[in-house]
């Protein structure tokens, strides 16, 4: 009897890449609360800070994106490689990934974006 393989829905994946090996111009951040999508150009990205095993901070010119990875986040190394080479098309908040976008990094007036 053949065995059925389960293929996860795209919405269940924490991130997706652009087709092929080409770099992209922007990345879409799909956040849960409140439900919204922010499309941010890669040209604003200044650095990627890896803090510990499960925390990543994306430093953009006018804001920071704080990401928290779950213990069972699939392939963190590949994720960082794809992001640093501008191949990520979208990041989805969910079971594997939590995100916050903060305006005015390093300021006392930080607010959620």
Foldseek 3Di string as FASTA:
>chain_A
DDDDDDDDDPLPAQFDFDPDDDADQWAWEAAVVVTDIDIGGPVQFDDWDDDPDFWIWTDGPFKIKIKGFDPPRPDPPVVVVCVVRRGIHYGYDDDGMHIWIWGHPPDPPIDTD
